[in-house]
Amino acid sequence: MASVSAPVTRALLDALAPGRDDVILELAGGTGELAETLAPMVGRVIYTDFSPAMVDAAKRRAILGVEHRVLDMQAIDLPDASVDGAICRYGYMLVPDPALALRETRRVLRPGGRLALATWAAAKRNPWATRYGPVLIERGLLEPPPPGEPGQFALGEPEPLESLLRTAGFADVNVEEVAIEFRFDGWEEYRRVITSLAASLRQTLGGLDEATRAEVDEATRTRFELFATESGYVLPGVALVARAV
């Protein structure tokens, strides 16, 4: 994922424009790869994630200049105007109330502080992640995601995302698209990677009987084959990267 997301990470860092003495808050930091990249560039990184397991994984990197905290983005346990910048890669779309999380982020930023965030564009722009879902929904094995609910593509359109940021108190907002590519040698690699990334998909497939699971896999594989090239399989995707001040 770090390799695939490299263009998104570069766009985030450009949007954040961190200074050498800055205190940067990372939200939904996962296993700490982005904090590790940021640490040599700034004065201090406050890495946070809602999951204690993720925080433990990030701590194992033992990076100087990184403070680790378990934290809910909707209730940021920091004083007002206490950080110079905030960064979040693929986090806001997963919280129950992204508007509240953005207001909290605005609250802890100092005057002129920057927020750089990334989210996935709409599902139709990300075929790498949507080979299984339609197959399961068509067979009545999975409910379509309810509108407005947290999820991978919940903040997938630029205009509503920009509106959400402005409503949270950000005056200067810019949203850009960043293209990514997932490359796979074949079907088995794709299946392994996608099911490892998506716990809900893994659970759904695990609950099916063998015959049904084989049928779903075959139908999904047919859709996967549409992306065959001479050098393997290339599945595109698009992220949205926003800069807000």
Protein backbone atom coordinates (compact mmCIF):
# COMPACT_ATOMS: atom_id res chain seq x y z
CA MET A 1 0.00 0.00 0.00
CA ALA A 2 2.86 2.40 0.73
CA SER A 3 4.17 1.91 -2.81
CA VAL A 4 0.75 2.23 -4.46
CA SER A 5 -0.12 5.29 -2.37
CA ALA A 6 3.21 7.04 -3.05
CA PRO A 7 1.64 9.60 -5.46
CA VAL A 8 -1.02 10.37 -2.84
CA THR A 9 1.59 10.71 -0.10
CA ARG A 10 3.60 13.13 -2.24
CA ALA A 11 0.51 15.22 -2.93
CA LEU A 12 -0.35 15.27 0.78
CA LEU A 13 3.13 16.45 1.75
CA ASP A 14 3.03 19.14 -0.94
CA ALA A 15 -0.35 20.30 0.38
CA LEU A 16 0.85 20.29 3.99
CA ALA A 17 4.09 22.15 3.18
CA PRO A 18 5.61 21.26 6.57
CA GLY A 19 8.23 23.50 8.16
CA ARG A 20 11.29 22.35 10.06
CA ASP A 21 9.93 23.45 13.45
CA ASP A 22 6.30 22.52 12.90
CA VAL A 23 4.22 20.35 15.20
CA ILE A 24 2.15 18.09 12.94
CA LEU A 25 -0.89 16.07 14.01
CA GLU A 26 -1.50 12.88 12.06
CA LEU A 27 -5.01 11.44 12.27
CA ALA A 28 -5.93 7.81 11.51
CA GLY A 29 -2.23 7.07 11.10
CA GLY A 30 -2.48 3.31 10.69
CA THR A 31 0.80 1.46 11.05
CA GLY A 32 2.87 4.66 11.14
CA GLU A 33 4.45 4.71 7.68
CA LEU A 34 3.42 8.31 6.99
CA ALA A 35 4.57 9.50 10.43
CA GLU A 36 7.93 7.87 9.74
CA THR A 37 8.19 9.84 6.50
CA LEU A 38 7.19 13.10 8.20
CA ALA A 39 9.39 12.88 11.30
CA PRO A 40 12.71 14.02 9.74
CA MET A 41 10.95 16.95 8.06
CA VAL A 42 9.38 18.65 11.11
CA GLY A 43 9.90 19.46 14.77
CA ARG A 44 7.44 16.90 16.16
CA VAL A 45 4.77 14.51 14.91
CA ILE A 46 1.78 13.64 17.08
CA TYR A 47 0.72 10.33 15.54
CA THR A 48 -2.82 9.17 16.43
CA ASP A 49 -5.19 6.36 15.56
CA PHE A 50 -8.51 5.18 16.99
CA SER A 51 -7.26 1.58 17.11
CA PRO A 52 -4.90 0.63 19.97
CA ALA A 53 -3.56 -2.21 17.78
CA MET A 54 -2.58 0.28 15.07
CA VAL A 55 -0.90 2.53 17.63
CA ASP A 56 1.07 -0.44 18.97
CA ALA A 57 2.16 -1.32 15.42
CA ALA A 58 3.27 2.27 14.79
CA LYS A 59 5.21 2.36 18.08
CA ARG A 60 7.28 -0.61 16.93
CA ARG A 61 8.86 1.62 14.29
CA ALA A 62 10.55 3.50 17.19
CA ILE A 63 10.97 6.74 15.24
CA LEU A 64 12.51 9.72 17.01
CA GLY A 65 10.32 12.81 17.14
CA VAL A 66 7.02 10.90 17.01
CA GLU A 67 4.56 10.88 19.92
CA HIS A 68 1.92 8.13 19.79
CA ARG A 69 -1.65 8.42 21.05
CA VAL A 70 -4.92 6.51 20.83
CA LEU A 71 -7.37 9.20 19.75
CA ASP A 72 -10.86 9.69 18.34
CA MET A 73 -10.83 12.19 15.46
CA GLN A 74 -14.24 13.41 16.59
CA ALA A 75 -12.90 14.42 20.03
CA ILE A 76 -9.28 15.47 19.65
CA ASP A 77 -7.65 15.60 23.08
CA LEU A 78 -5.48 18.64 22.38
CA PRO A 79 -5.82 22.33 23.30
CA ASP A 80 -7.12 24.89 20.85
CA ALA A 81 -4.57 26.24 18.37
CA SER A 82 -1.87 23.79 19.44
CA VAL A 83 -0.52 22.35 16.15
CA ASP A 84 0.85 23.87 12.95
CA GLY A 85 -0.57 21.31 10.58
CA ALA A 86 -2.71 18.19 10.38
CA ILE A 87 -2.55 15.32 7.92
CA CYS A 88 -4.85 12.38 7.35
CA ARG A 89 -4.66 9.71 4.66
CA TYR A 90 -7.90 7.76 4.16
CA GLY A 91 -9.44 8.50 7.55
CA TYR A 92 -12.23 11.09 7.46
CA MET A 93 -14.53 8.98 5.27
CA LEU A 94 -14.57 6.22 7.90
CA VAL A 95 -15.70 8.24 10.95
CA PRO A 96 -19.42 8.41 11.84
CA ASP A 97 -19.42 12.24 11.77
CA PRO A 98 -16.76 13.64 9.42
CA ALA A 99 -18.13 17.18 9.85
CA LEU A 100 -17.44 16.98 13.58
CA ALA A 101 -13.98 15.52 12.97
CA LEU A 102 -13.15 18.39 10.62
CA ARG A 103 -14.39 20.99 13.12
CA GLU A 104 -12.19 19.41 15.77
CA THR A 105 -9.25 19.50 13.38
CA ARG A 106 -9.86 23.18 12.65
CA ARG A 107 -10.05 23.89 16.40
CA VAL A 108 -6.58 22.50 17.17
CA LEU A 109 -4.87 24.22 14.24
CA ARG A 110 -3.04 27.47 14.88
CA PRO A 111 -3.94 30.52 12.76
CA GLY A 112 -2.70 29.78 9.26
CA GLY A 113 -2.40 26.06 10.05
CA ARG A 114 -2.87 23.65 7.17
CA LEU A 115 -4.87 20.47 6.84
CA ALA A 116 -3.92 17.96 4.15
CA LEU A 117 -6.27 15.02 3.73
CA ALA A 118 -6.80 12.21 1.26
CA THR A 119 -9.91 10.20 0.59
CA TRP A 120 -10.94 7.85 -2.19
CA ALA A 121 -12.88 9.21 -5.16
CA ALA A 122 -16.21 7.59 -6.05
CA ALA A 123 -16.41 3.80 -6.37
CA LYS A 124 -16.73 3.93 -10.17
CA ARG A 125 -13.32 5.67 -10.30
CA ASN A 126 -11.68 2.86 -8.29
CA PRO A 127 -12.11 -0.47 -10.06
CA TRP A 128 -9.20 -1.93 -8.06
CA ALA A 129 -11.50 -1.97 -5.02
CA THR A 130 -14.82 -2.81 -6.66
CA ARG A 131 -14.46 -6.19 -8.34
CA TYR A 132 -16.09 -8.18 -5.52
CA GLY A 133 -18.76 -5.76 -4.25
CA PRO A 134 -21.12 -5.73 -7.26
CA VAL A 135 -20.92 -9.52 -7.57
CA LEU A 136 -21.95 -9.97 -3.94
CA ILE A 137 -24.71 -7.35 -4.16
CA GLU A 138 -26.16 -8.83 -7.35
CA ARG A 139 -26.48 -12.20 -5.61
CA GLY A 140 -28.10 -10.74 -2.50
CA LEU A 141 -25.07 -11.65 -0.38
CA LEU A 142 -24.22 -8.06 0.54
CA GLU A 143 -26.33 -4.98 1.12
CA PRO A 144 -25.47 -1.85 -0.90
CA PRO A 145 -23.84 0.79 1.31
CA PRO A 146 -26.52 3.18 2.66
CA PRO A 147 -26.10 6.79 1.47
CA GLY A 148 -24.39 8.96 4.07
CA GLU A 149 -22.91 6.07 6.01
CA PRO A 150 -19.17 5.89 6.74
CA GLY A 151 -17.25 3.91 4.15
CA GLN A 152 -14.40 3.85 1.69
CA PHE A 153 -16.19 6.05 -0.84
CA ALA A 154 -18.29 8.18 1.52
CA LEU A 155 -16.38 11.38 0.65
CA GLY A 156 -15.80 10.52 -2.98
CA GLU A 157 -16.98 13.69 -4.73
CA PRO A 158 -14.90 16.91 -4.78
CA GLU A 159 -17.70 19.46 -4.39
CA PRO A 160 -19.33 17.97 -1.25
CA LEU A 161 -15.87 17.48 0.27
CA GLU A 162 -14.98 21.12 -0.35
CA SER A 163 -18.32 22.22 1.10
CA LEU A 164 -17.74 20.09 4.20
CA LEU A 165 -14.32 21.69 4.74
CA ARG A 166 -15.68 25.22 4.37
CA THR A 167 -18.54 24.50 6.77
CA ALA A 168 -15.96 23.27 9.30
CA GLY A 169 -14.31 26.69 9.24
CA PHE A 170 -11.65 26.42 6.52
CA ALA A 171 -11.63 29.44 4.21
CA ASP A 172 -9.01 28.46 1.63
CA VAL A 173 -9.79 25.01 0.20
CA ASN A 174 -8.41 23.17 -2.82
CA VAL A 175 -9.27 19.60 -3.90
CA GLU A 176 -7.29 17.76 -6.57
CA GLU A 177 -7.46 14.29 -8.09
CA VAL A 178 -4.47 11.96 -7.83
CA ALA A 179 -4.28 8.82 -9.96
CA ILE A 180 -2.89 5.55 -8.61
CA GLU A 181 -2.37 2.05 -10.04
CA PHE A 182 -2.50 -1.39 -8.48
CA ARG A 183 -0.42 -3.96 -10.37
CA PHE A 184 -0.88 -7.70 -9.96
CA ASP A 185 0.75 -10.75 -11.53
CA GLY A 186 -2.52 -12.66 -11.53
CA TRP A 187 -5.85 -13.46 -9.91
CA GLU A 188 -4.50 -15.22 -6.82
CA GLU A 189 -2.34 -12.25 -5.88
CA TYR A 190 -5.26 -9.86 -6.39
CA ARG A 191 -7.57 -11.97 -4.23
CA ARG A 192 -4.99 -12.23 -1.45
CA VAL A 193 -4.26 -8.50 -1.40
CA ILE A 194 -7.87 -7.30 -1.59
CA THR A 195 -9.14 -9.66 1.08
CA SER A 196 -6.25 -8.71 3.36
CA LEU A 197 -7.11 -5.01 2.98
CA ALA A 198 -10.89 -5.37 3.48
CA ALA A 199 -11.89 -7.08 6.71
CA SER A 200 -15.62 -6.88 5.91
CA LEU A 201 -15.08 -8.57 2.54
CA ARG A 202 -12.95 -11.25 4.15
CA GLN A 203 -15.70 -11.94 6.70
CA THR A 204 -18.42 -12.04 4.04
CA LEU A 205 -16.51 -14.52 1.89
CA GLY A 206 -15.62 -16.58 4.93
CA GLY A 207 -19.31 -16.96 5.77
CA LEU A 208 -20.23 -18.45 2.40
CA ASP A 209 -20.44 -22.16 1.66
CA GLU A 210 -17.75 -23.54 -0.60
CA ALA A 211 -19.89 -23.70 -3.75
CA THR A 212 -21.20 -20.15 -3.40
CA ARG A 213 -17.73 -18.81 -2.63
CA ALA A 214 -16.37 -20.52 -5.75
CA GLU A 215 -19.17 -19.00 -7.85
CA VAL A 216 -18.49 -15.51 -6.45
CA ASP A 217 -14.76 -15.89 -7.04
CA GLU A 218 -15.29 -16.97 -10.64
CA ALA A 219 -17.64 -14.06 -11.39
CA THR A 220 -15.22 -11.62 -9.76
CA ARG A 221 -12.29 -13.11 -11.65
CA THR A 222 -14.14 -12.49 -14.94
CA ARG A 223 -14.37 -8.79 -14.05
CA PHE A 224 -10.74 -8.77 -12.96
CA GLU A 225 -9.64 -10.17 -16.34
CA LEU A 226 -10.84 -6.99 -18.04
CA PHE A 227 -7.65 -5.32 -16.77
CA ALA A 228 -5.15 -7.75 -18.29
CA THR A 229 -2.14 -6.21 -20.04
CA GLU A 230 1.00 -7.63 -21.61
CA SER A 231 2.84 -7.05 -18.34
CA GLY A 232 0.22 -8.33 -15.89
CA TYR A 233 -2.93 -6.77 -14.52
CA VAL A 234 -3.22 -3.00 -13.98
CA LEU A 235 -6.22 -1.73 -12.02
CA PRO A 236 -6.53 2.05 -11.78
CA GLY A 237 -7.82 4.22 -8.99
CA VAL A 238 -8.28 7.86 -8.04
CA ALA A 239 -7.85 9.60 -4.70
CA LEU A 240 -8.90 13.10 -3.74
CA VAL A 241 -6.31 15.20 -1.95
CA ALA A 242 -7.52 18.35 -0.24
CA ARG A 243 -5.56 21.27 1.18
CA ALA A 244 -7.45 23.50 3.61
CA VAL A 245 -6.37 26.53 5.64
